[in-house]
Amino acid sequence: MRFSAVLLAALSTATFGYAQSMSGGDATFYSAGLGSCGFFNTDADFIVAVD
């Protein structure tokens, strides 16, 4: 449920019509744990970090 809400929020703020091609980026790995909302996340949860 939380993932659906985050996905909906991300898609609703996207600007369509201004597509830009990208071929690079940064990635990282971390162990899930206590999230900012006070819920414990596990490695089975879908977690996205936006910078």
C-alpha atoms as a PDB file:
ATOM      1  CA  MET A   1       0.000   0.000   0.000  1.00  0.00           C
ATOM      2  CA  ARG A   2       2.756   2.483   0.884  1.00  0.00           C
ATOM      3  CA  PHE A   3       4.561   1.677  -2.372  1.00  0.00           C
ATOM      4  CA  SER A   4       1.390   2.405  -4.378  1.00  0.00           C
ATOM      5  CA  ALA A   5       0.981   5.787  -2.705  1.00  0.00           C
ATOM      6  CA  VAL A   6       4.602   6.745  -3.377  1.00  0.00           C
ATOM      7  CA  LEU A   7       4.375   5.583  -6.991  1.00  0.00           C
ATOM      8  CA  LEU A   8       1.173   7.557  -7.541  1.00  0.00           C
ATOM      9  CA  ALA A   9       2.749  10.688  -6.051  1.00  0.00           C
ATOM     10  CA  ALA A  10       5.836  10.316  -8.234  1.00  0.00           C
ATOM     11  CA  LEU A  11       3.822   9.813 -11.404  1.00  0.00           C
ATOM     12  CA  SER A  12       1.443  12.675 -10.675  1.00  0.00           C
ATOM     13  CA  THR A  13       4.325  15.160 -10.463  1.00  0.00           C
ATOM     14  CA  ALA A  14       6.044  13.965 -13.645  1.00  0.00           C
ATOM     15  CA  THR A  15       6.106  16.408 -16.556  1.00  0.00           C
ATOM     16  CA  PHE A  16       5.066  14.679 -19.730  1.00  0.00           C
ATOM     17  CA  GLY A  17       6.213  15.949 -23.115  1.00  0.00           C
ATOM     18  CA  TYR A  18       9.710  16.878 -21.985  1.00  0.00           C
ATOM     19  CA  ALA A  19      11.391  13.499 -22.332  1.00  0.00           C
ATOM     20  CA  GLN A  20      15.148  13.535 -22.115  1.00  0.00           C
ATOM     21  CA  SER A  21      17.508  10.667 -22.830  1.00  0.00           C
ATOM     22  CA  MET A  22      19.947   9.676 -20.075  1.00  0.00           C
ATOM     23  CA  SER A  23      22.640   7.045 -20.167  1.00  0.00           C
ATOM     24  CA  GLY A  24      24.296   7.390 -16.769  1.00  0.00           C
ATOM     25  CA  GLY A  25      23.629   7.595 -13.076  1.00  0.00           C
ATOM     26  CA  ASP A  26      24.658   6.518  -9.612  1.00  0.00           C
ATOM     27  CA  ALA A  27      23.468   3.532  -7.604  1.00  0.00           C
ATOM     28  CA  THR A  28      24.015   2.428  -4.045  1.00  0.00           C
ATOM     29  CA  PHE A  29      23.038  -0.405  -1.716  1.00  0.00           C
ATOM     30  CA  TYR A  30      21.962  -0.278   1.896  1.00  0.00           C
ATOM     31  CA  SER A  31      20.346  -2.537   4.447  1.00  0.00           C
ATOM     32  CA  ALA A  32      16.740  -1.706   5.246  1.00  0.00           C
ATOM     33  CA  GLY A  33      15.744  -0.919   8.817  1.00  0.00           C
ATOM     34  CA  LEU A  34      13.814   1.744  10.676  1.00  0.00           C
ATOM     35  CA  GLY A  35      12.319   4.181   8.182  1.00  0.00           C
ATOM     36  CA  SER A  36      11.615   7.881   8.644  1.00  0.00           C
ATOM     37  CA  CYS A  37       7.935   7.175   9.407  1.00  0.00           C
ATOM     38  CA  GLY A  38       8.771   4.866  12.308  1.00  0.00           C
ATOM     39  CA  PHE A  39       8.062   1.613  10.443  1.00  0.00           C
ATOM     40  CA  PHE A  40      10.640  -1.140  10.097  1.00  0.00           C
ATOM     41  CA  ASN A  41      11.460  -2.032   6.484  1.00  0.00           C
ATOM     42  CA  THR A  42      12.777  -5.409   5.356  1.00  0.00           C
ATOM     43  CA  ASP A  43      14.799  -6.477   2.340  1.00  0.00           C
ATOM     44  CA  ALA A  44      11.511  -7.664   0.762  1.00  0.00           C
ATOM     45  CA  ASP A  45      10.096  -4.088   0.704  1.00  0.00           C
ATOM     46  CA  PHE A  46      10.426  -1.874  -2.354  1.00  0.00           C
ATOM     47  CA  ILE A  47      12.356   1.215  -1.236  1.00  0.00           C
ATOM     48  CA  VAL A  48      13.384   4.115  -3.464  1.00  0.00           C
ATOM     49  CA  ALA A  49      15.690   6.948  -2.448  1.00  0.00           C
ATOM     50  CA  VAL A  50      15.350  10.193  -4.399  1.00  0.00           C
ATOM     51  CA  ASP A  51      18.050  12.838  -4.362  1.00  0.00           C
END
